[in-house]
């Protein structure tokens, strides 16, 4: 691992609480950063006395004894230890943010589903109240599986903070820009970017431009990592240098503050008298990231056939079973199609993995109609799916010259678990009731004549 150091980081927040972000490049690096000179101890993690009267505290994202290459932790030097950032917890209800297992009697998740974009209602919503769970899989208490959400955010959190003990969040904005003010620094993220927020990290979400809408993958299991490239080698796909980790920034602000925690699928609140974002310096490899999806370098067939969609994997969360992910995050962006004598769109198939797709912008080549930006679809475990009639006809008749797919960006949350619909997804979200009709006009072409026609 490389060590990235920042000593010209940002200092305390001004009176309005606004901080301008700064970043360090790299994925999985061992970073070190300080917002005040000399705040970061050298040569040891826990000195008898820390500079500036700070407290030393470790944030561990893995078990202490995890293998070295998987062990993740960061040492934080903060104004107050985090035991001062919580008081007694009181349960609260957030009925639209659900966790697995989420099984509803009489509600079947067996089928192929697609939803129109979830529209803003005019209701005032922040990051916590604006989360809408669509599917869940696995079991949050066993730290295995995931949930997919759509967020609708219209206003910033004011003296309000959140953290999840249940898993990390992969945030995929579709419209509007958000600012994540975290314990370890500040991240701005907008459409065509993603953010990864680790389990246990405290943060506040502000709206830079809105209203904001996007997708979230809540990962209960092992953290997202870069996929092994195998024969592809050291380059292409998502390169580590394009991930950005925030430099240290802190708030030294005394004000009544609400902290909400998600724990084993339940929500609780606690009240404190100060901001918990008080880490003045930190070092380690357990931290939030952002990534610009436009830097993803896709690879593909340059002679014939359509490879498996796994070649478009940006991040993968391992399951413990080799080659079978708890979650894969897959990106379909602009690219050239050059395969000869080949059906170029994704082929028809059934898959042991469950595929939840979302459209960030543009037109997805296998579904030119009905899958507009902000839409999502679910093709569950072992249920057949593939191009609609229009895409099939075009792909089988078009002249196979080099073609550039432009103005398109869609993604997939793929998991080894069957995904269960929430009552919101089945009964309130704008489900396209006739989605399966996109395949109904695929006609029998077999006539018993040998050959390729």
Protein backbone atom coordinates (compact mmCIF):
# COMPACT_ATOMS: atom_id res chain seq x y z
CA UNK A 1 0.00 0.00 0.00
CA UNK A 2 1.10 3.53 -0.71
CA UNK A 3 0.97 6.25 1.92
CA UNK A 4 -0.65 9.51 0.89
CA UNK A 5 0.02 12.51 3.12
CA UNK A 6 -1.77 15.84 3.28
CA UNK A 7 -0.52 18.62 5.56
CA UNK A 8 -2.21 21.54 3.82
CA UNK A 9 -5.71 20.30 4.61
CA UNK A 10 -8.71 22.31 5.60
CA UNK A 11 -9.19 23.78 9.05
CA UNK A 12 -12.26 24.17 11.19
CA UNK A 13 -15.61 24.96 9.60
CA UNK A 14 -16.66 28.59 9.41
CA UNK A 15 -19.71 29.72 11.35
CA UNK A 16 -22.12 28.63 8.62
CA UNK A 17 -20.79 25.06 8.77
CA UNK A 18 -19.73 25.02 5.10
CA UNK A 19 -16.44 23.33 4.21
CA UNK A 20 -14.79 23.15 0.80
CA UNK A 21 -13.56 19.62 0.05
CA UNK A 22 -10.05 18.51 -0.84
CA UNK A 23 -8.93 15.05 -1.93
CA UNK A 24 -6.10 12.52 -1.96
CA UNK A 25 -5.92 9.98 -4.83
CA UNK A 26 -5.86 6.21 -4.53
CA UNK A 27 -7.95 3.18 -3.56
CA UNK A 28 -7.01 1.11 -0.50
CA UNK A 29 -4.03 3.32 0.27
CA UNK A 30 -2.73 4.05 3.73
CA UNK A 31 -3.49 7.77 3.97
CA UNK A 32 -2.42 10.38 6.49
CA UNK A 33 -3.83 13.89 6.71
CA UNK A 34 -4.05 16.69 9.25
CA UNK A 35 -6.11 19.87 9.33
CA UNK A 36 -3.74 21.54 11.82
CA UNK A 37 0.05 21.22 11.61
CA UNK A 38 1.43 18.73 14.11
CA UNK A 39 -1.95 17.21 14.96
CA UNK A 40 -0.91 13.83 13.58
CA UNK A 41 1.48 11.90 15.87
CA UNK A 42 4.55 10.46 14.19
CA UNK A 43 6.06 7.09 15.00
CA UNK A 44 3.18 5.78 17.10
CA UNK A 45 -0.61 5.65 17.12
CA UNK A 46 -1.48 6.36 20.74
CA UNK A 47 0.95 8.71 22.51
CA UNK A 48 0.50 9.50 26.18
CA UNK A 49 -0.54 13.03 25.22
CA UNK A 50 -1.74 14.06 21.75
CA UNK A 51 -1.09 17.49 20.27
CA UNK A 52 -3.72 20.20 20.73
CA UNK A 53 -5.26 18.20 23.57
CA UNK A 54 -6.82 15.72 21.12
CA UNK A 55 -7.98 12.19 21.87
CA UNK A 56 -6.60 9.21 19.94
CA UNK A 57 -9.23 6.71 18.77
CA UNK A 58 -9.24 3.82 16.33
CA UNK A 59 -12.07 3.17 13.86
CA UNK A 60 -11.94 -0.48 12.78
CA UNK A 61 -13.75 -1.62 9.65
CA UNK A 62 -12.66 -5.25 9.94
CA UNK A 63 -11.88 -7.70 12.73
CA UNK A 64 -8.53 -7.02 14.40
CA UNK A 65 -7.20 -10.34 13.08
CA UNK A 66 -8.35 -9.99 9.46
CA UNK A 67 -5.60 -10.88 6.96
CA UNK A 68 -3.17 -8.02 6.39
CA UNK A 69 -4.36 -7.34 2.86
CA UNK A 70 -7.97 -7.08 4.06
CA UNK A 71 -7.42 -5.41 7.43
CA UNK A 72 -8.85 -1.90 7.50
CA UNK A 73 -8.68 0.69 10.23
CA UNK A 74 -8.00 4.36 10.71
CA UNK A 75 -6.58 6.22 13.70
CA UNK A 76 -8.45 9.45 14.45
CA UNK A 77 -7.26 12.40 16.53
CA UNK A 78 -10.37 14.19 17.66
CA UNK A 79 -11.60 16.93 19.94
CA UNK A 80 -13.82 14.53 21.91
CA UNK A 81 -13.79 10.72 21.86
CA UNK A 82 -16.81 9.28 20.11
CA UNK A 83 -18.23 7.99 23.41
CA UNK A 84 -19.12 11.65 23.94
CA UNK A 85 -21.01 11.71 20.64
CA UNK A 86 -23.85 9.51 21.92
CA UNK A 87 -26.18 9.50 24.88
CA UNK A 88 -29.13 7.23 25.60
CA UNK A 89 -30.79 5.97 22.41
CA UNK A 90 -34.49 6.29 21.67
CA UNK A 91 -36.11 4.15 18.95
CA UNK A 92 -37.57 6.03 15.99
CA UNK A 93 -39.62 4.91 13.00
CA UNK A 94 -38.44 5.21 9.40
CA UNK A 95 -40.94 2.86 7.77
CA UNK A 96 -39.73 3.36 4.19
CA UNK A 97 -36.09 2.43 4.93
CA UNK A 98 -36.17 -1.36 5.27
CA UNK A 99 -33.59 -4.07 5.86
CA UNK A 100 -33.32 -7.75 4.98
CA UNK A 101 -34.98 -10.05 5.58
CA UNK A 102 -38.01 -8.09 4.45
CA UNK A 103 -40.65 -10.70 3.68
CA UNK A 104 -44.26 -9.59 3.43
CA UNK A 105 -47.03 -12.24 3.53
CA UNK A 106 -48.88 -12.36 0.23
CA UNK A 107 -46.21 -10.33 -1.61
CA UNK A 108 -44.34 -12.28 -4.28
CA UNK A 109 -41.02 -11.15 -5.71
CA UNK A 110 -41.13 -13.75 -8.49
CA UNK A 111 -41.08 -11.93 -11.78
CA UNK A 112 -39.37 -9.33 -13.93
CA UNK A 113 -40.08 -5.79 -12.77
CA UNK A 114 -39.45 -2.24 -13.94
CA UNK A 115 -40.27 1.13 -12.40
CA UNK A 116 -40.60 4.62 -13.81
CA UNK A 117 -38.53 7.30 -12.06
CA UNK A 118 -39.71 8.08 -8.54
CA UNK A 119 -40.90 11.67 -8.71
CA UNK A 120 -40.46 14.38 -6.09
CA UNK A 121 -43.72 15.04 -4.27
CA UNK A 122 -42.96 18.50 -2.93
CA UNK A 123 -42.48 17.04 0.54
CA UNK A 124 -39.49 18.37 2.49
CA UNK A 125 -37.06 15.45 2.78
CA UNK A 126 -33.49 15.02 3.96
CA UNK A 127 -31.08 12.10 3.57
CA UNK A 128 -32.72 10.12 6.38
CA UNK A 129 -36.39 10.78 5.68
CA UNK A 130 -35.99 10.64 1.90
CA UNK A 131 -34.69 7.05 1.64
CA UNK A 132 -37.04 4.58 -0.09
CA UNK A 133 -36.11 0.89 -0.01
CA UNK A 134 -36.99 -1.04 -3.18
CA UNK A 135 -35.46 -4.47 -2.58
CA UNK A 136 -33.52 -6.37 0.06
CA UNK A 137 -31.64 -9.65 0.12
CA UNK A 138 -29.88 -11.81 2.69
CA UNK A 139 -29.91 -10.91 6.39
CA UNK A 140 -28.63 -7.68 7.91
CA UNK A 141 -28.02 -9.31 11.32
CA UNK A 142 -25.76 -11.92 9.69
CA UNK A 143 -23.82 -9.21 7.82
CA UNK A 144 -24.63 -10.89 4.53
CA UNK A 145 -26.64 -9.50 1.64
CA UNK A 146 -27.78 -6.05 0.59
CA UNK A 147 -30.62 -3.61 0.04
CA UNK A 148 -31.30 -1.23 -2.82
CA UNK A 149 -32.82 2.19 -2.24
CA UNK A 150 -33.84 5.35 -4.06
CA UNK A 151 -33.23 8.63 -2.28
CA UNK A 152 -35.22 11.84 -2.72
CA UNK A 153 -33.54 14.78 -0.96
CA UNK A 154 -34.77 18.37 -1.00
CA UNK A 155 -32.98 19.98 1.95
CA UNK A 156 -29.79 19.71 3.98
CA UNK A 157 -29.46 18.14 7.39
CA UNK A 158 -29.13 20.89 10.00
CA UNK A 159 -27.26 19.94 13.20
CA UNK A 160 -28.28 16.39 12.39
CA UNK A 161 -25.96 13.43 11.75
CA UNK A 162 -26.25 9.81 10.72
CA UNK A 163 -24.27 6.61 10.77
CA UNK A 164 -25.04 2.99 9.96
CA UNK A 165 -23.70 0.03 11.87
CA UNK A 166 -25.35 -2.28 9.32
CA UNK A 167 -23.17 -1.75 6.27
CA UNK A 168 -21.49 0.59 3.84
CA UNK A 169 -23.46 2.67 1.37
CA UNK A 170 -22.64 2.96 -2.33
CA UNK A 171 -24.33 6.16 -3.52
CA UNK A 172 -25.14 6.67 -7.23
CA UNK A 173 -26.55 10.18 -7.88
CA UNK A 174 -28.92 10.56 -10.81
CA UNK A 175 -29.87 14.23 -10.44
CA UNK A 176 -28.75 17.00 -8.10
CA UNK A 177 -25.52 17.30 -6.13
CA UNK A 178 -24.88 16.31 -2.52
CA UNK A 179 -22.17 17.08 -0.01
CA UNK A 180 -21.20 14.44 2.55
CA UNK A 181 -19.59 16.11 5.54
CA UNK A 182 -17.99 13.13 7.30
CA UNK A 183 -15.77 12.57 10.30
CA UNK A 184 -12.80 12.07 7.97
CA UNK A 185 -13.43 14.93 5.54
CA UNK A 186 -15.84 16.27 2.95
CA UNK A 187 -16.98 14.70 -0.33
CA UNK A 188 -19.04 16.41 -3.05
CA UNK A 189 -20.76 14.07 -5.47
CA UNK A 190 -23.12 14.50 -8.42
CA UNK A 191 -24.44 12.58 -11.45
CA UNK A 192 -21.86 10.34 -13.18
CA UNK A 193 -19.99 10.01 -9.88
CA UNK A 194 -20.36 7.63 -6.93
CA UNK A 195 -19.52 7.83 -3.25
CA UNK A 196 -18.69 4.99 -0.85
CA UNK A 197 -19.53 5.61 2.82
CA UNK A 198 -18.06 3.00 5.20
CA UNK A 199 -19.95 1.27 7.98
CA UNK A 200 -19.79 3.23 11.24
CA UNK A 201 -18.75 6.55 9.71
CA UNK A 202 -20.66 9.57 11.03
CA UNK A 203 -21.74 12.18 8.49
CA UNK A 204 -24.16 14.94 7.59
CA UNK A 205 -25.64 15.35 4.09
CA UNK A 206 -26.12 18.78 2.51
CA UNK A 207 -27.83 19.64 -0.78
CA UNK A 208 -25.54 21.58 -3.14
CA UNK A 209 -28.10 21.62 -5.95
CA UNK A 210 -31.46 19.99 -5.85
CA UNK A 211 -33.82 18.44 -5.57
CA UNK A 212 -31.57 15.40 -5.56
CA UNK A 213 -32.41 11.87 -6.60
CA UNK A 214 -30.30 8.77 -6.89
CA UNK A 215 -29.73 5.14 -6.07
CA UNK A 216 -28.08 3.50 -3.04
CA UNK A 217 -26.71 0.00 -2.58
CA UNK A 218 -26.49 -0.88 1.11
CA UNK A 219 -23.85 -3.59 1.48
CA UNK A 220 -24.22 -5.69 4.63
CA UNK A 221 -21.20 -7.90 3.91
CA UNK A 222 -17.49 -7.48 3.21
CA UNK A 223 -16.49 -4.06 1.89
CA UNK A 224 -16.43 -3.19 -1.78
CA UNK A 225 -13.06 -3.75 -3.40
CA UNK A 226 -11.61 -3.45 -6.88
CA UNK A 227 -12.11 -6.68 -8.87
CA UNK A 228 -9.20 -8.85 -9.82
CA UNK A 229 -8.47 -8.23 -13.50
CA UNK A 230 -7.09 -11.67 -14.35
CA UNK A 231 -5.78 -11.79 -17.94
CA UNK A 232 -6.72 -8.11 -18.44
CA UNK A 233 -3.66 -7.27 -16.38
CA UNK A 234 -2.80 -4.14 -14.44
CA UNK A 235 -4.76 -1.50 -16.36
CA UNK A 236 -8.25 -0.48 -17.53
CA UNK A 237 -11.58 -0.88 -15.74
CA UNK A 238 -11.53 1.30 -12.61
CA UNK A 239 -7.98 2.44 -11.91
CA UNK A 240 -7.05 3.02 -8.24
CA UNK A 241 -5.65 6.52 -8.86
CA UNK A 242 -9.08 7.80 -9.92
CA UNK A 243 -10.64 7.19 -6.51
CA UNK A 244 -10.51 10.25 -4.25
CA UNK A 245 -10.37 10.20 -0.47
CA UNK A 246 -11.07 13.40 1.51
CA UNK A 247 -8.44 15.31 3.44
CA UNK A 248 -9.04 16.00 7.11
CA UNK A 249 -11.57 18.68 8.00
CA UNK A 250 -13.26 19.27 11.33
CA UNK A 251 -16.04 21.17 13.02
CA UNK A 252 -15.51 22.70 16.46
CA UNK A 253 -19.09 23.78 17.00
CA UNK A 254 -21.22 23.65 20.13
CA UNK A 255 -24.90 23.32 19.24
CA UNK A 256 -27.70 20.89 20.12
CA UNK A 257 -27.26 18.03 17.64
CA UNK A 258 -29.26 14.95 16.76
CA UNK A 259 -27.44 11.73 15.87
CA UNK A 260 -29.38 8.90 14.18
CA UNK A 261 -27.98 5.38 14.03
CA UNK A 262 -29.11 2.41 11.94
CA UNK A 263 -28.41 -0.78 13.87
CA UNK A 264 -29.63 -4.29 12.98
CA UNK A 265 -32.29 -2.82 10.73
CA UNK A 266 -33.70 -0.50 13.41
CA UNK A 267 -33.28 3.24 13.86
CA UNK A 268 -32.50 5.17 17.02
CA UNK A 269 -31.73 8.78 17.87
CA UNK A 270 -29.58 10.39 20.53
CA UNK A 271 -28.96 14.05 21.39
CA UNK A 272 -25.64 15.72 22.13
CA UNK A 273 -24.52 19.33 22.57
CA UNK A 274 -21.87 19.58 19.82
CA UNK A 275 -20.92 18.47 16.32
CA UNK A 276 -19.46 14.93 16.18
CA UNK A 277 -17.41 15.81 13.08
CA UNK A 278 -14.38 16.73 15.16
CA UNK A 279 -11.50 14.65 13.72
CA UNK A 280 -8.58 17.07 13.31
CA UNK A 281 -6.16 14.48 11.87
CA UNK A 282 -6.26 10.85 10.86
CA UNK A 283 -4.25 8.09 9.21
CA UNK A 284 -5.21 4.67 7.92
CA UNK A 285 -7.04 2.87 5.14
CA UNK A 286 -10.66 2.85 6.35
CA UNK A 287 -12.25 5.93 4.82
CA UNK A 288 -14.88 7.25 2.43
CA UNK A 289 -14.22 7.64 -1.30
CA UNK A 290 -15.65 9.24 -4.40
CA UNK A 291 -15.12 8.05 -7.97
CA UNK A 292 -15.88 9.66 -11.33
CA UNK A 293 -17.60 7.05 -13.50
CA UNK A 294 -16.37 8.88 -16.60
CA UNK A 295 -12.85 7.65 -15.80
CA UNK A 296 -13.94 4.01 -16.05
CA UNK A 297 -12.09 2.40 -18.97
CA UNK A 298 -14.27 -0.39 -20.39
CA UNK A 299 -12.90 -3.40 -22.24
CA UNK A 300 -14.77 -5.64 -24.65
CA UNK A 301 -14.71 -7.93 -27.66
CA UNK A 302 -12.72 -6.60 -30.61
CA UNK A 303 -13.48 -9.46 -33.01
CA UNK A 304 -16.68 -11.40 -32.27
CA UNK A 305 -19.28 -12.26 -29.61
CA UNK A 306 -20.50 -10.37 -26.55
CA UNK A 307 -18.57 -11.11 -23.33
CA UNK A 308 -20.23 -11.61 -19.97
CA UNK A 309 -21.31 -8.34 -18.30
CA UNK A 310 -18.81 -9.05 -15.51
CA UNK A 311 -16.18 -7.32 -17.68
CA UNK A 312 -17.90 -4.05 -16.72
CA UNK A 313 -17.45 -4.53 -12.95
CA UNK A 314 -16.35 -1.36 -11.16
CA UNK A 315 -16.42 -2.65 -7.58
CA UNK A 316 -17.09 -6.04 -6.01
CA UNK A 317 -17.97 -7.09 -2.49
CA UNK A 318 -16.78 -10.68 -1.93
CA UNK A 319 -18.99 -13.32 -0.34
CA UNK A 320 -16.35 -15.80 0.85
CA UNK A 321 -17.22 -18.09 -2.07
CA UNK A 322 -14.55 -17.61 -4.70
CA UNK A 323 -15.81 -15.87 -7.81
CA UNK A 324 -19.34 -15.31 -6.45
CA UNK A 325 -19.91 -11.83 -5.13
CA UNK A 326 -22.13 -10.66 -2.33
CA UNK A 327 -22.59 -7.63 -4.64
CA UNK A 328 -21.06 -6.49 -7.91
CA UNK A 329 -21.43 -2.88 -9.04
CA UNK A 330 -21.40 -2.95 -12.85
CA UNK A 331 -21.33 0.05 -15.21
CA UNK A 332 -22.58 0.32 -18.79
CA UNK A 333 -21.19 3.56 -20.19
CA UNK A 334 -20.29 5.00 -23.59
CA UNK A 335 -18.14 2.62 -25.62
CA UNK A 336 -17.43 1.33 -29.10
CA UNK A 337 -19.12 -1.79 -30.52
CA UNK A 338 -17.02 -3.47 -33.19
CA UNK A 339 -17.76 -7.22 -32.97
CA UNK A 340 -18.16 -8.88 -36.37
CA UNK A 341 -20.97 -11.31 -37.25
CA UNK A 342 -22.26 -10.98 -33.70
CA UNK A 343 -25.41 -10.05 -31.81
CA UNK A 344 -24.05 -7.00 -30.04
CA UNK A 345 -26.54 -6.14 -27.27
CA UNK A 346 -26.65 -8.24 -24.08
CA UNK A 347 -27.98 -11.66 -25.01
CA UNK A 348 -30.99 -13.47 -23.57
CA UNK A 349 -30.15 -15.35 -20.42
CA UNK A 350 -31.08 -16.68 -16.99
CA UNK A 351 -28.65 -16.02 -14.17
CA UNK A 352 -28.13 -17.40 -10.68
CA UNK A 353 -27.34 -13.80 -9.69
CA UNK A 354 -30.11 -11.23 -9.21
CA UNK A 355 -29.75 -8.07 -11.28
CA UNK A 356 -31.11 -4.67 -10.28
CA UNK A 357 -30.45 -2.02 -12.92
CA UNK A 358 -30.75 1.76 -12.86
CA UNK A 359 -30.48 4.33 -15.65
CA UNK A 360 -28.37 7.40 -14.84
CA UNK A 361 -28.86 9.09 -18.21
CA UNK A 362 -29.47 8.36 -21.87
CA UNK A 363 -30.75 5.20 -23.55
CA UNK A 364 -29.76 1.64 -22.58
CA UNK A 365 -29.10 -0.34 -25.75
CA UNK A 366 -31.06 -3.46 -24.76
CA UNK A 367 -34.16 -1.45 -23.72
CA UNK A 368 -34.52 1.62 -25.98
CA UNK A 369 -38.09 2.28 -24.78
CA UNK A 370 -39.49 2.60 -21.26
CA UNK A 371 -36.21 2.61 -19.36
CA UNK A 372 -35.73 6.34 -18.95
CA UNK A 373 -33.19 8.11 -16.70
CA UNK A 374 -34.13 7.49 -13.08
CA UNK A 375 -35.85 4.19 -13.89
CA UNK A 376 -34.84 0.88 -12.37
CA UNK A 377 -35.55 -2.76 -13.14
CA UNK A 378 -35.20 -6.09 -11.34
CA UNK A 379 -34.50 -9.44 -12.98
CA UNK A 380 -34.41 -11.89 -10.13
CA UNK A 381 -32.52 -15.14 -9.67
CA UNK A 382 -33.04 -17.56 -12.59
CA UNK A 383 -35.73 -15.49 -14.28
CA UNK A 384 -35.15 -15.01 -18.04
CA UNK A 385 -34.57 -11.58 -19.50
CA UNK A 386 -32.83 -9.85 -22.39
CA UNK A 387 -33.39 -7.35 -25.22
CA UNK A 388 -36.89 -6.23 -26.12
CA UNK A 389 -38.35 -6.71 -29.60
CA UNK A 390 -37.12 -3.38 -30.92
CA UNK A 391 -33.55 -3.98 -29.72
CA UNK A 392 -33.56 -7.53 -31.11
CA UNK A 393 -34.79 -6.49 -34.54
CA UNK A 394 -32.27 -3.66 -34.77
CA UNK A 395 -29.35 -5.85 -33.65
CA UNK A 396 -30.12 -8.66 -36.09
CA UNK A 397 -30.61 -6.41 -39.13
CA UNK A 398 -28.14 -3.55 -38.62
CA UNK A 399 -24.99 -3.20 -40.70
CA UNK A 400 -22.14 -4.38 -38.47
CA UNK A 401 -19.89 -1.38 -38.86
CA UNK A 402 -18.04 0.13 -35.88
CA UNK A 403 -20.63 1.94 -33.76
CA UNK A 404 -20.12 4.23 -30.80
CA UNK A 405 -22.73 4.02 -28.06
CA UNK A 406 -23.06 7.63 -26.93
CA UNK A 407 -25.06 9.48 -24.29
CA UNK A 408 -25.67 6.40 -22.18
CA UNK A 409 -24.85 5.41 -18.61
CA UNK A 410 -26.61 2.66 -16.70
CA UNK A 411 -25.50 0.44 -13.85
CA UNK A 412 -26.33 -2.83 -12.13
CA UNK A 413 -26.34 -3.98 -8.52
CA UNK A 414 -25.85 -7.73 -8.93
CA UNK A 415 -26.05 -10.07 -5.93
CA UNK A 416 -25.96 -13.79 -5.32
CA UNK A 417 -29.13 -13.46 -3.21
CA UNK A 418 -32.71 -13.36 -4.54
CA UNK A 419 -33.99 -9.82 -4.01
CA UNK A 420 -37.30 -9.36 -2.21
CA UNK A 421 -39.60 -6.47 -3.08
CA UNK A 422 -40.62 -4.13 -0.29
CA UNK A 423 -44.28 -3.13 0.08
CA UNK A 424 -43.27 0.33 -1.14
CA UNK A 425 -41.77 -1.10 -4.35
CA UNK A 426 -44.77 -3.35 -4.97
CA UNK A 427 -47.60 -1.02 -4.01
CA UNK A 428 -46.48 2.64 -4.02
CA UNK A 429 -43.55 3.07 -6.41
CA UNK A 430 -44.48 3.65 -10.10
CA UNK A 431 -44.15 0.04 -11.27
CA UNK A 432 -44.71 -0.57 -14.99
CA UNK A 433 -47.48 -3.12 -14.81
CA UNK A 434 -47.04 -4.19 -18.44
CA UNK A 435 -43.22 -4.49 -18.39
CA UNK A 436 -43.23 -8.13 -19.52
CA UNK A 437 -45.02 -7.03 -22.70
CA UNK A 438 -41.65 -5.89 -24.11
CA UNK A 439 -40.97 -9.57 -24.92
CA UNK A 440 -44.50 -10.60 -25.87
CA UNK A 441 -44.11 -9.74 -29.57
CA UNK A 442 -40.92 -11.80 -29.99
CA UNK A 443 -42.13 -14.22 -32.62
CA UNK A 444 -41.27 -17.72 -33.65
CA UNK A 445 -38.76 -17.58 -36.52
CA UNK A 446 -37.91 -21.28 -36.75
CA UNK A 447 -38.80 -22.84 -40.07
CA UNK A 448 -36.72 -26.03 -40.07
CA UNK A 449 -34.38 -24.72 -42.74
CA UNK A 450 -30.69 -25.24 -41.94
CA UNK A 451 -28.30 -22.31 -42.06
CA UNK A 452 -27.79 -19.01 -40.30
CA UNK A 453 -30.80 -17.12 -41.67
